[in-house]
């Protein structure tokens, strides 16, 4: 049992270090030696958990997907119980992210840009977007949108656009503008 606890702590340190490095520098801008140095684990420990960089990137993206989806859902829930309120309130997750560390952009867009079209990293980015869009469409349908898929698509574009513009401009007002546009969009569709 002690071995599993130690392994879990090492794996967590590796993933935490990799997440910071990948988010700030991109997938291609980070080598395994940097992850080893930042995590403080031995090379053999890193490779015991992640046999290849592709495995580490996949774990990072899966973990980021879970974390970001939870942040969006929590922000939506804080906005109220109504699905229309939640569709607008989820943009608070973007503001929260900006307040924590500024914008380095969307890790999924960054990964998709860097990854080969047939890579596992790109497949994970596509899965993230599909999951997010399905959730947005479900909320839009519950909010009474005439075209839930269309509203979900437009809100997804606002989210992605806010993250991209936020990275470029480093201005929190981008998120406030996206939230305001989302409010108008939801009102027009419901």
N, C-alpha and C. Protein backbone atom coordinates (compact mmCIF):
# COMPACT_ATOMS: atom_id res chain seq x y z
N UNK A 1 0.82 -1.19 0.00
CA UNK A 1 0.00 0.00 0.00
C UNK A 1 0.86 1.25 0.00
N UNK A 2 1.96 1.24 0.73
CA UNK A 2 2.85 2.40 0.78
C UNK A 2 3.38 2.72 -0.62
N UNK A 3 3.68 1.71 -1.41
CA UNK A 3 4.20 1.92 -2.76
C UNK A 3 3.17 2.67 -3.60
N UNK A 4 1.91 2.31 -3.50
CA UNK A 4 0.86 2.96 -4.28
C UNK A 4 0.71 4.42 -3.87
N UNK A 5 0.77 4.71 -2.58
CA UNK A 5 0.68 6.09 -2.10
C UNK A 5 1.84 6.90 -2.65
N UNK A 6 3.05 6.34 -2.55
CA UNK A 6 4.23 7.04 -3.06
C UNK A 6 4.10 7.25 -4.56
N UNK A 7 3.62 6.23 -5.27
CA UNK A 7 3.44 6.34 -6.72
C UNK A 7 2.42 7.42 -7.05
N UNK A 8 1.36 7.50 -6.32
CA UNK A 8 0.33 8.49 -6.57
C UNK A 8 0.87 9.89 -6.34
N UNK A 9 1.66 10.08 -5.29
CA UNK A 9 2.24 11.40 -5.03
C UNK A 9 3.22 11.79 -6.12
N UNK A 10 4.03 10.86 -6.57
CA UNK A 10 4.97 11.14 -7.65
C UNK A 10 4.24 11.48 -8.93
N UNK A 11 3.22 10.70 -9.23
CA UNK A 11 2.44 10.94 -10.43
C UNK A 11 1.78 12.32 -10.37
N UNK A 12 1.27 12.68 -9.22
CA UNK A 12 0.65 14.00 -9.04
C UNK A 12 1.67 15.10 -9.25
N UNK A 13 2.86 14.95 -8.69
CA UNK A 13 3.91 15.97 -8.87
C UNK A 13 4.30 16.10 -10.33
N UNK A 14 4.40 14.98 -11.01
CA UNK A 14 4.74 15.00 -12.44
C UNK A 14 3.66 15.72 -13.24
N UNK A 15 2.41 15.35 -12.99
CA UNK A 15 1.31 15.97 -13.73
C UNK A 15 1.17 17.46 -13.42
N UNK A 16 1.36 17.84 -12.17
CA UNK A 16 1.28 19.25 -11.80
C UNK A 16 2.39 20.06 -12.49
N UNK A 17 3.58 19.52 -12.48
CA UNK A 17 4.70 20.22 -13.14
C UNK A 17 4.47 20.29 -14.64
N UNK A 18 4.05 19.17 -15.23
CA UNK A 18 3.80 19.15 -16.67
C UNK A 18 2.70 20.13 -17.06
N UNK A 19 1.65 20.20 -16.25
CA UNK A 19 0.55 21.11 -16.54
C UNK A 19 1.03 22.56 -16.59
N UNK A 20 1.79 22.96 -15.60
CA UNK A 20 2.32 24.34 -15.59
C UNK A 20 3.20 24.59 -16.80
N UNK A 21 4.09 23.67 -17.08
CA UNK A 21 5.01 23.84 -18.20
C UNK A 21 4.29 23.83 -19.55
N UNK A 22 3.41 22.87 -19.77
CA UNK A 22 2.70 22.78 -21.04
C UNK A 22 1.80 24.00 -21.24
N UNK A 23 1.14 24.43 -20.20
CA UNK A 23 0.22 25.57 -20.32
C UNK A 23 0.99 26.84 -20.68
N UNK A 24 2.12 27.05 -20.06
CA UNK A 24 2.88 28.28 -20.29
C UNK A 24 3.73 28.23 -21.56
N UNK A 25 4.20 27.04 -21.94
CA UNK A 25 5.18 26.95 -23.03
C UNK A 25 4.73 26.13 -24.23
N UNK A 26 3.56 25.51 -24.15
CA UNK A 26 3.10 24.66 -25.23
C UNK A 26 3.65 23.25 -25.12
N UNK A 27 3.09 22.35 -25.88
CA UNK A 27 3.49 20.95 -25.83
C UNK A 27 4.89 20.76 -26.41
N UNK A 28 5.14 21.40 -27.52
CA UNK A 28 6.44 21.24 -28.17
C UNK A 28 7.55 21.98 -27.45
N UNK A 29 7.21 22.99 -26.69
CA UNK A 29 8.20 23.80 -26.01
C UNK A 29 8.72 23.20 -24.71
N UNK A 30 8.26 22.01 -24.37
CA UNK A 30 8.63 21.39 -23.10
C UNK A 30 9.21 20.01 -23.36
N UNK A 31 10.37 19.76 -22.80
CA UNK A 31 10.99 18.45 -22.89
C UNK A 31 10.80 17.66 -21.61
N UNK A 32 11.00 16.40 -21.71
CA UNK A 32 10.84 15.53 -20.54
C UNK A 32 11.83 15.89 -19.44
N UNK A 33 13.02 16.34 -19.80
CA UNK A 33 14.00 16.74 -18.78
C UNK A 33 13.50 17.94 -17.98
N UNK A 34 12.78 18.84 -18.63
CA UNK A 34 12.20 19.98 -17.90
C UNK A 34 11.14 19.51 -16.91
N UNK A 35 10.34 18.55 -17.31
CA UNK A 35 9.31 18.00 -16.42
C UNK A 35 9.98 17.31 -15.24
N UNK A 36 11.03 16.58 -15.50
CA UNK A 36 11.77 15.90 -14.42
C UNK A 36 12.30 16.93 -13.43
N UNK A 37 12.93 17.98 -13.95
CA UNK A 37 13.50 19.01 -13.08
C UNK A 37 12.42 19.74 -12.28
N UNK A 38 11.32 20.08 -12.95
CA UNK A 38 10.26 20.84 -12.27
C UNK A 38 9.51 20.00 -11.25
N UNK A 39 9.39 18.70 -11.50
CA UNK A 39 8.64 17.84 -10.59
C UNK A 39 9.49 17.30 -9.45
N UNK A 40 10.81 17.31 -9.65
CA UNK A 40 11.70 16.81 -8.62
C UNK A 40 11.73 15.30 -8.50
N UNK A 41 11.30 14.60 -9.54
CA UNK A 41 11.34 13.13 -9.51
C UNK A 41 12.52 12.64 -10.33
N UNK A 42 12.88 11.43 -10.11
CA UNK A 42 13.94 10.81 -10.89
C UNK A 42 13.43 10.48 -12.29
N UNK A 43 14.34 10.44 -13.23
CA UNK A 43 13.98 10.10 -14.60
C UNK A 43 13.26 8.76 -14.66
N UNK A 44 13.74 7.78 -13.90
CA UNK A 44 13.12 6.46 -13.90
C UNK A 44 11.69 6.53 -13.35
N UNK A 45 11.45 7.42 -12.40
CA UNK A 45 10.10 7.56 -11.84
C UNK A 45 9.16 8.13 -12.88
N UNK A 46 9.61 9.16 -13.59
CA UNK A 46 8.75 9.73 -14.63
C UNK A 46 8.40 8.67 -15.66
N UNK A 47 9.40 7.94 -16.13
CA UNK A 47 9.14 6.95 -17.17
C UNK A 47 8.40 5.72 -16.65
N UNK A 48 8.41 5.49 -15.36
CA UNK A 48 7.60 4.41 -14.80
C UNK A 48 6.12 4.76 -14.89
N UNK A 49 5.82 6.05 -14.79
CA UNK A 49 4.43 6.51 -14.86
C UNK A 49 3.99 6.82 -16.29
N UNK A 50 4.90 7.39 -17.06
CA UNK A 50 4.58 7.83 -18.42
C UNK A 50 5.70 7.37 -19.34
N UNK A 51 5.43 6.32 -20.08
CA UNK A 51 6.48 5.70 -20.90
C UNK A 51 6.97 6.63 -22.01
N UNK A 52 6.09 7.52 -22.49
CA UNK A 52 6.46 8.43 -23.57
C UNK A 52 5.92 9.83 -23.25
N UNK A 53 6.43 10.80 -23.97
CA UNK A 53 5.89 12.15 -23.83
C UNK A 53 4.43 12.17 -24.27
N UNK A 54 4.10 11.40 -25.28
CA UNK A 54 2.71 11.32 -25.74
C UNK A 54 1.79 10.84 -24.61
N UNK A 55 2.25 9.88 -23.81
CA UNK A 55 1.46 9.41 -22.68
C UNK A 55 1.28 10.52 -21.64
N UNK A 56 2.34 11.28 -21.40
CA UNK A 56 2.27 12.39 -20.45
C UNK A 56 1.33 13.48 -20.95
N UNK A 57 1.44 13.82 -22.22
CA UNK A 57 0.56 14.83 -22.82
C UNK A 57 -0.89 14.37 -22.73
N UNK A 58 -1.15 13.10 -23.02
CA UNK A 58 -2.52 12.57 -22.95
C UNK A 58 -3.07 12.67 -21.53
N UNK A 59 -2.25 12.32 -20.55
CA UNK A 59 -2.69 12.42 -19.15
C UNK A 59 -2.96 13.87 -18.77
N UNK A 60 -2.09 14.77 -19.20
CA UNK A 60 -2.28 16.20 -18.95
C UNK A 60 -3.58 16.70 -19.56
N UNK A 61 -3.84 16.36 -20.82
CA UNK A 61 -5.06 16.83 -21.48
C UNK A 61 -6.31 16.23 -20.85
N UNK A 62 -6.25 14.97 -20.48
CA UNK A 62 -7.42 14.33 -19.82
C UNK A 62 -7.70 15.00 -18.48
N UNK A 63 -6.65 15.23 -17.74
CA UNK A 63 -6.80 15.89 -16.44
C UNK A 63 -7.31 17.32 -16.61
N UNK A 64 -6.78 18.03 -17.60
CA UNK A 64 -7.22 19.40 -17.87
C UNK A 64 -8.67 19.42 -18.32
N UNK A 65 -9.07 18.45 -19.11
CA UNK A 65 -10.46 18.35 -19.55
C UNK A 65 -11.38 18.21 -18.34
N UNK A 66 -11.04 17.31 -17.45
CA UNK A 66 -11.86 17.11 -16.25
C UNK A 66 -11.91 18.39 -15.40
N UNK A 67 -10.76 19.01 -15.21
CA UNK A 67 -10.67 20.20 -14.38
C UNK A 67 -11.43 21.37 -14.99
N UNK A 68 -11.22 21.61 -16.28
CA UNK A 68 -11.86 22.76 -16.93
C UNK A 68 -13.37 22.56 -17.02
N UNK A 69 -13.79 21.34 -17.33
CA UNK A 69 -15.22 21.05 -17.38
C UNK A 69 -15.85 21.29 -16.00
N UNK A 70 -15.19 20.86 -14.96
CA UNK A 70 -15.70 21.08 -13.60
C UNK A 70 -15.77 22.57 -13.28
N UNK A 71 -14.78 23.34 -13.70
CA UNK A 71 -14.79 24.78 -13.45
C UNK A 71 -15.95 25.46 -14.19
N UNK A 72 -16.20 25.07 -15.43
CA UNK A 72 -17.32 25.62 -16.18
C UNK A 72 -18.65 25.27 -15.50
N UNK A 73 -18.79 24.03 -15.10
CA UNK A 73 -20.04 23.59 -14.46
C UNK A 73 -20.25 24.27 -13.10
N UNK A 74 -19.17 24.45 -12.35
CA UNK A 74 -19.28 25.14 -11.05
C UNK A 74 -19.69 26.59 -11.24
N UNK A 75 -19.10 27.26 -12.22
CA UNK A 75 -19.46 28.65 -12.49
C UNK A 75 -20.92 28.74 -12.94
N UNK A 76 -21.35 27.80 -13.76
CA UNK A 76 -22.74 27.77 -14.20
C UNK A 76 -23.67 27.57 -13.01
N UNK A 77 -23.33 26.66 -12.13
CA UNK A 77 -24.17 26.38 -10.95
C UNK A 77 -24.25 27.59 -10.03
N UNK A 78 -23.16 28.31 -9.89
CA UNK A 78 -23.16 29.51 -9.03
C UNK A 78 -24.09 30.59 -9.58
N UNK A 79 -24.32 30.57 -10.88
CA UNK A 79 -25.15 31.60 -11.51
C UNK A 79 -26.64 31.43 -11.22
N UNK A 80 -27.04 30.26 -10.78
CA UNK A 80 -28.44 30.02 -10.47
C UNK A 80 -28.89 28.67 -10.97
N UNK A 81 -30.16 28.38 -10.71
CA UNK A 81 -30.67 27.06 -11.08
C UNK A 81 -31.24 27.02 -12.49
N UNK A 82 -31.53 28.19 -13.07
CA UNK A 82 -32.10 28.21 -14.40
C UNK A 82 -31.04 28.00 -15.48
N UNK A 83 -31.35 27.18 -16.48
CA UNK A 83 -30.36 26.90 -17.52
C UNK A 83 -29.93 28.14 -18.31
N UNK A 84 -30.81 29.10 -18.51
CA UNK A 84 -30.43 30.33 -19.22
C UNK A 84 -29.40 31.11 -18.39
N UNK A 85 -29.62 31.18 -17.08
CA UNK A 85 -28.65 31.83 -16.19
C UNK A 85 -27.31 31.10 -16.22
N UNK A 86 -27.37 29.80 -16.26
CA UNK A 86 -26.16 28.99 -16.25
C UNK A 86 -25.35 29.17 -17.54
N UNK A 87 -26.06 29.29 -18.67
CA UNK A 87 -25.35 29.50 -19.94
C UNK A 87 -24.54 30.79 -19.94
N UNK A 88 -25.03 31.79 -19.24
CA UNK A 88 -24.30 33.06 -19.12
C UNK A 88 -23.27 32.97 -18.00
N UNK A 89 -23.67 32.37 -16.88
CA UNK A 89 -22.80 32.29 -15.71
C UNK A 89 -21.54 31.49 -15.91
N UNK A 90 -21.56 30.54 -16.84
CA UNK A 90 -20.36 29.73 -17.05
C UNK A 90 -19.17 30.56 -17.50
N UNK A 91 -19.43 31.75 -18.04
CA UNK A 91 -18.33 32.63 -18.45
C UNK A 91 -17.55 33.16 -17.25
N UNK A 92 -18.12 33.05 -16.06
CA UNK A 92 -17.36 33.43 -14.86
C UNK A 92 -16.15 32.53 -14.65
N UNK A 93 -16.20 31.30 -15.19
CA UNK A 93 -15.04 30.42 -15.09
C UNK A 93 -13.85 31.00 -15.84
N UNK A 94 -14.11 31.68 -16.95
CA UNK A 94 -13.04 32.33 -17.70
C UNK A 94 -12.45 33.47 -16.90
N UNK A 95 -13.31 34.26 -16.25
CA UNK A 95 -12.83 35.36 -15.42
C UNK A 95 -12.02 34.82 -14.24
N UNK A 96 -12.50 33.74 -13.64
CA UNK A 96 -11.76 33.12 -12.54
C UNK A 96 -10.38 32.66 -12.99
N UNK A 97 -10.31 32.06 -14.18
CA UNK A 97 -9.03 31.60 -14.72
C UNK A 97 -8.10 32.78 -14.96
N UNK A 98 -8.63 33.85 -15.50
CA UNK A 98 -7.80 35.03 -15.75
C UNK A 98 -7.28 35.60 -14.43
N UNK A 99 -8.13 35.66 -13.42
CA UNK A 99 -7.73 36.22 -12.13
C UNK A 99 -6.66 35.36 -11.45
N UNK A 100 -6.68 34.05 -11.70
CA UNK A 100 -5.69 33.16 -11.09
C UNK A 100 -4.30 33.37 -11.67
N UNK A 101 -4.21 33.47 -12.98
CA UNK A 101 -2.88 33.49 -13.58
C UNK A 101 -2.79 34.20 -14.91
N UNK A 102 -3.77 35.00 -15.26
CA UNK A 102 -3.73 35.61 -16.58
C UNK A 102 -4.07 34.58 -17.63
N UNK A 103 -4.11 34.99 -18.86
CA UNK A 103 -4.46 34.06 -19.93
C UNK A 103 -3.23 33.59 -20.66
N UNK A 104 -3.06 32.30 -20.72
CA UNK A 104 -2.09 31.70 -21.61
C UNK A 104 -2.84 31.03 -22.76
N UNK A 105 -4.12 31.34 -22.86
CA UNK A 105 -4.94 30.77 -23.91
C UNK A 105 -5.58 29.47 -23.48
N UNK A 106 -6.24 28.85 -24.41
CA UNK A 106 -6.91 27.58 -24.14
C UNK A 106 -5.92 26.45 -24.36
N UNK A 107 -5.71 25.62 -23.35
CA UNK A 107 -4.75 24.52 -23.53
C UNK A 107 -5.16 23.55 -24.63
N UNK A 108 -6.44 23.46 -24.91
CA UNK A 108 -6.90 22.54 -25.95
C UNK A 108 -6.64 23.11 -27.34
N UNK A 109 -6.87 24.39 -27.50
CA UNK A 109 -6.57 25.02 -28.79
C UNK A 109 -5.06 24.96 -29.03
N UNK A 110 -4.29 25.27 -28.00
CA UNK A 110 -2.83 25.21 -28.13
C UNK A 110 -2.38 23.80 -28.50
N UNK A 111 -2.95 22.80 -27.85
CA UNK A 111 -2.57 21.42 -28.14
C UNK A 111 -2.98 21.04 -29.56
N UNK A 112 -4.16 21.45 -29.97
CA UNK A 112 -4.64 21.11 -31.31
C UNK A 112 -3.76 21.75 -32.38
N UNK A 113 -3.31 22.95 -32.13
CA UNK A 113 -2.45 23.64 -33.10
C UNK A 113 -1.10 22.93 -33.22
N UNK A 114 -0.58 22.45 -32.11
CA UNK A 114 0.74 21.83 -32.09
C UNK A 114 0.73 20.35 -32.49
N UNK A 115 -0.37 19.69 -32.28
CA UNK A 115 -0.42 18.24 -32.46
C UNK A 115 -0.70 17.86 -33.91
N UNK A 116 -0.18 16.72 -34.30
CA UNK A 116 -0.49 16.17 -35.62
C UNK A 116 -1.97 15.82 -35.68
N UNK A 117 -2.53 15.89 -36.86
CA UNK A 117 -3.96 15.63 -37.02
C UNK A 117 -4.37 14.23 -36.57
N UNK A 118 -3.48 13.28 -36.67
CA UNK A 118 -3.82 11.90 -36.30
C UNK A 118 -3.30 11.52 -34.91
N UNK A 119 -2.94 12.51 -34.10
CA UNK A 119 -2.35 12.23 -32.79
C UNK A 119 -3.42 12.03 -31.71
N UNK A 120 -2.99 11.39 -30.66
CA UNK A 120 -3.87 11.20 -29.49
C UNK A 120 -4.19 12.56 -28.85
N UNK A 121 -3.21 13.47 -28.84
CA UNK A 121 -3.44 14.80 -28.26
C UNK A 121 -4.57 15.52 -28.99
N UNK A 122 -4.56 15.46 -30.31
CA UNK A 122 -5.62 16.13 -31.07
C UNK A 122 -6.96 15.45 -30.82
N UNK A 123 -6.97 14.13 -30.75
CA UNK A 123 -8.22 13.40 -30.47
C UNK A 123 -8.77 13.81 -29.11
N UNK A 124 -7.91 14.01 -28.14
CA UNK A 124 -8.37 14.43 -26.81
C UNK A 124 -8.91 15.86 -26.83
N UNK A 125 -8.33 16.72 -27.66
CA UNK A 125 -8.85 18.08 -27.75
C UNK A 125 -10.23 18.09 -28.41
N UNK A 126 -10.38 17.27 -29.41
CA UNK A 126 -11.69 17.16 -30.08
C UNK A 126 -12.72 16.61 -29.11
N UNK A 127 -12.34 15.59 -28.34
CA UNK A 127 -13.26 15.02 -27.34
C UNK A 127 -13.68 16.07 -26.33
N UNK A 128 -12.74 16.91 -25.90
CA UNK A 128 -13.06 17.98 -24.95
C UNK A 128 -14.13 18.91 -25.53
N UNK A 129 -13.92 19.35 -26.76
CA UNK A 129 -14.86 20.28 -27.39
C UNK A 129 -16.22 19.60 -27.57
N UNK A 130 -16.23 18.35 -27.98
CA UNK A 130 -17.50 17.64 -28.15
C UNK A 130 -18.25 17.51 -26.84
N UNK A 131 -17.54 17.20 -25.76
CA UNK A 131 -18.18 17.11 -24.43
C UNK A 131 -18.75 18.46 -24.01
N UNK A 132 -17.95 19.50 -24.19
CA UNK A 132 -18.42 20.84 -23.82
C UNK A 132 -19.64 21.22 -24.64
N UNK A 133 -19.59 20.98 -25.93
CA UNK A 133 -20.70 21.36 -26.80
C UNK A 133 -21.97 20.57 -26.48
N UNK A 134 -21.83 19.31 -26.14
CA UNK A 134 -23.01 18.51 -25.77
C UNK A 134 -23.65 19.08 -24.51
N UNK A 135 -22.82 19.48 -23.54
CA UNK A 135 -23.35 20.07 -22.30
C UNK A 135 -24.02 21.40 -22.59
N UNK A 136 -23.39 22.24 -23.43
CA UNK A 136 -24.00 23.53 -23.79
C UNK A 136 -25.34 23.32 -24.51
N UNK A 137 -25.39 22.34 -25.41
CA UNK A 137 -26.63 22.06 -26.14
C UNK A 137 -27.72 21.58 -25.18
N UNK A 138 -27.34 20.77 -24.20
CA UNK A 138 -28.31 20.29 -23.20
C UNK A 138 -28.87 21.47 -22.41
N UNK A 139 -27.99 22.37 -21.96
CA UNK A 139 -28.45 23.55 -21.23
C UNK A 139 -29.33 24.42 -22.12
N UNK A 140 -28.94 24.59 -23.37
CA UNK A 140 -29.71 25.42 -24.30
C UNK A 140 -31.10 24.82 -24.53
N UNK A 141 -31.17 23.52 -24.63
CA UNK A 141 -32.47 22.87 -24.82
C UNK A 141 -33.34 23.07 -23.58
N UNK A 142 -32.73 22.87 -22.39
CA UNK A 142 -33.49 23.07 -21.15
C UNK A 142 -33.92 24.53 -20.98
N UNK A 143 -33.15 25.46 -21.58
CA UNK A 143 -33.49 26.88 -21.49
C UNK A 143 -34.60 27.25 -22.48
N UNK A 144 -34.97 26.31 -23.36
CA UNK A 144 -36.04 26.57 -24.31
C UNK A 144 -35.58 27.18 -25.62
N UNK A 145 -34.31 27.02 -25.95
CA UNK A 145 -33.80 27.57 -27.21
C UNK A 145 -34.46 26.88 -28.39
N UNK A 146 -34.84 27.65 -29.39
CA UNK A 146 -35.45 27.09 -30.59
C UNK A 146 -34.44 26.21 -31.35
N UNK A 147 -33.17 26.58 -31.30
CA UNK A 147 -32.09 25.83 -31.96
C UNK A 147 -30.97 25.61 -30.95
N UNK A 148 -31.13 24.61 -30.07
CA UNK A 148 -30.14 24.39 -29.02
C UNK A 148 -28.72 24.16 -29.55
N UNK A 149 -28.61 23.41 -30.63
CA UNK A 149 -27.29 23.15 -31.21
C UNK A 149 -26.65 24.43 -31.74
N UNK A 150 -27.45 25.27 -32.35
CA UNK A 150 -26.94 26.54 -32.87
C UNK A 150 -26.49 27.46 -31.75
N UNK A 151 -27.28 27.55 -30.70
CA UNK A 151 -26.90 28.38 -29.56
C UNK A 151 -25.64 27.82 -28.91
N UNK A 152 -25.57 26.52 -28.76
CA UNK A 152 -24.38 25.89 -28.18
C UNK A 152 -23.15 26.19 -29.02
N UNK A 153 -23.29 26.08 -30.33
CA UNK A 153 -22.16 26.37 -31.24
C UNK A 153 -21.69 27.81 -31.06
N UNK A 154 -22.65 28.75 -31.03
CA UNK A 154 -22.29 30.16 -30.89
C UNK A 154 -21.64 30.45 -29.55
N UNK A 155 -22.14 29.84 -28.48
CA UNK A 155 -21.53 30.03 -27.16
C UNK A 155 -20.13 29.42 -27.11
N UNK A 156 -19.96 28.27 -27.76
CA UNK A 156 -18.64 27.66 -27.84
C UNK A 156 -17.65 28.58 -28.56
N UNK A 157 -18.12 29.22 -29.61
CA UNK A 157 -17.26 30.18 -30.32
C UNK A 157 -16.90 31.37 -29.43
N UNK A 158 -17.85 31.81 -28.63
CA UNK A 158 -17.57 32.91 -27.69
C UNK A 158 -16.53 32.49 -26.65
N UNK A 159 -16.67 31.29 -26.13
CA UNK A 159 -15.70 30.79 -25.15
C UNK A 159 -14.31 30.74 -25.77
N UNK A 160 -14.22 30.09 -26.93
CA UNK A 160 -12.93 29.94 -27.59
C UNK A 160 -12.35 31.30 -27.99
N UNK A 161 -13.21 32.18 -28.47
CA UNK A 161 -12.76 33.52 -28.86
C UNK A 161 -12.28 34.32 -27.67
N UNK A 162 -12.97 34.21 -26.55
CA UNK A 162 -12.54 34.93 -25.35
C UNK A 162 -11.19 34.43 -24.86
N UNK A 163 -10.99 33.12 -24.92
CA UNK A 163 -9.71 32.57 -24.49
C UNK A 163 -8.58 33.00 -25.43
N UNK A 164 -8.85 32.99 -26.73
CA UNK A 164 -7.82 33.40 -27.70
C UNK A 164 -7.53 34.89 -27.58
N UNK A 165 -8.57 35.72 -27.51
CA UNK A 165 -8.36 37.17 -27.38
C UNK A 165 -7.74 37.51 -26.04
N UNK A 166 -8.15 36.80 -25.02
CA UNK A 166 -7.56 37.01 -23.70
C UNK A 166 -6.07 36.76 -23.70
N UNK A 167 -5.67 35.73 -24.41
CA UNK A 167 -4.22 35.43 -24.52
C UNK A 167 -3.51 36.57 -25.25
N UNK A 168 -4.09 37.01 -26.32
CA UNK A 168 -3.47 38.04 -27.14
C UNK A 168 -3.40 39.38 -26.41
N UNK A 169 -4.51 39.80 -25.83
CA UNK A 169 -4.61 41.13 -25.25
C UNK A 169 -4.27 41.21 -23.76
N UNK A 170 -4.35 40.06 -23.06
CA UNK A 170 -4.12 40.02 -21.61
C UNK A 170 -4.99 41.05 -20.90
N UNK A 171 -6.27 41.07 -21.28
CA UNK A 171 -7.21 42.05 -20.75
C UNK A 171 -8.47 41.32 -20.29
N UNK A 172 -8.77 41.46 -19.02
CA UNK A 172 -9.95 40.80 -18.43
C UNK A 172 -11.25 41.27 -19.07
N UNK A 173 -11.23 42.47 -19.64
CA UNK A 173 -12.43 43.01 -20.29
C UNK A 173 -12.91 42.11 -21.42
N UNK A 174 -12.02 41.33 -22.00
CA UNK A 174 -12.40 40.39 -23.05
C UNK A 174 -13.45 39.41 -22.53
N UNK A 175 -13.22 38.90 -21.32
CA UNK A 175 -14.16 37.95 -20.72
C UNK A 175 -15.48 38.63 -20.40
N UNK A 176 -15.41 39.83 -19.87
CA UNK A 176 -16.64 40.57 -19.57
C UNK A 176 -17.44 40.82 -20.83
N UNK A 177 -16.75 41.14 -21.93
CA UNK A 177 -17.43 41.34 -23.21
C UNK A 177 -18.06 40.06 -23.72
N UNK A 178 -17.37 38.94 -23.57
CA UNK A 178 -17.91 37.65 -24.01
C UNK A 178 -19.13 37.28 -23.18
N UNK A 179 -19.09 37.55 -21.89
CA UNK A 179 -20.24 37.24 -21.03
C UNK A 179 -21.43 38.11 -21.41
N UNK A 180 -21.18 39.36 -21.69
CA UNK A 180 -22.25 40.26 -22.11
C UNK A 180 -22.86 39.80 -23.44
N UNK A 181 -22.02 39.40 -24.37
CA UNK A 181 -22.51 38.88 -25.65
C UNK A 181 -23.31 37.59 -25.44
N UNK A 182 -22.84 36.74 -24.53
CA UNK A 182 -23.55 35.50 -24.22
C UNK A 182 -24.94 35.81 -23.66
N UNK A 183 -25.01 36.81 -22.79
CA UNK A 183 -26.31 37.19 -22.20
C UNK A 183 -27.29 37.60 -23.31
N UNK A 184 -26.82 38.42 -24.25
CA UNK A 184 -27.68 38.87 -25.36
C UNK A 184 -28.05 37.69 -26.26
N UNK A 185 -27.10 36.81 -26.50
CA UNK A 185 -27.32 35.66 -27.37
C UNK A 185 -28.36 34.71 -26.76
N UNK A 186 -28.22 34.44 -25.48
CA UNK A 186 -29.16 33.54 -24.79
C UNK A 186 -30.55 34.16 -24.79
N UNK A 187 -30.63 35.44 -24.51
CA UNK A 187 -31.94 36.12 -24.52
C UNK A 187 -32.59 36.07 -25.89
N UNK A 188 -31.82 36.20 -26.93
CA UNK A 188 -32.36 36.18 -28.29
C UNK A 188 -32.81 34.79 -28.70
N UNK A 189 -32.21 33.75 -28.15
CA UNK A 189 -32.53 32.38 -28.53
C UNK A 189 -33.60 31.72 -27.65
N UNK A 190 -33.88 32.32 -26.48
CA UNK A 190 -34.82 31.66 -25.58
C UNK A 190 -36.05 32.50 -25.36
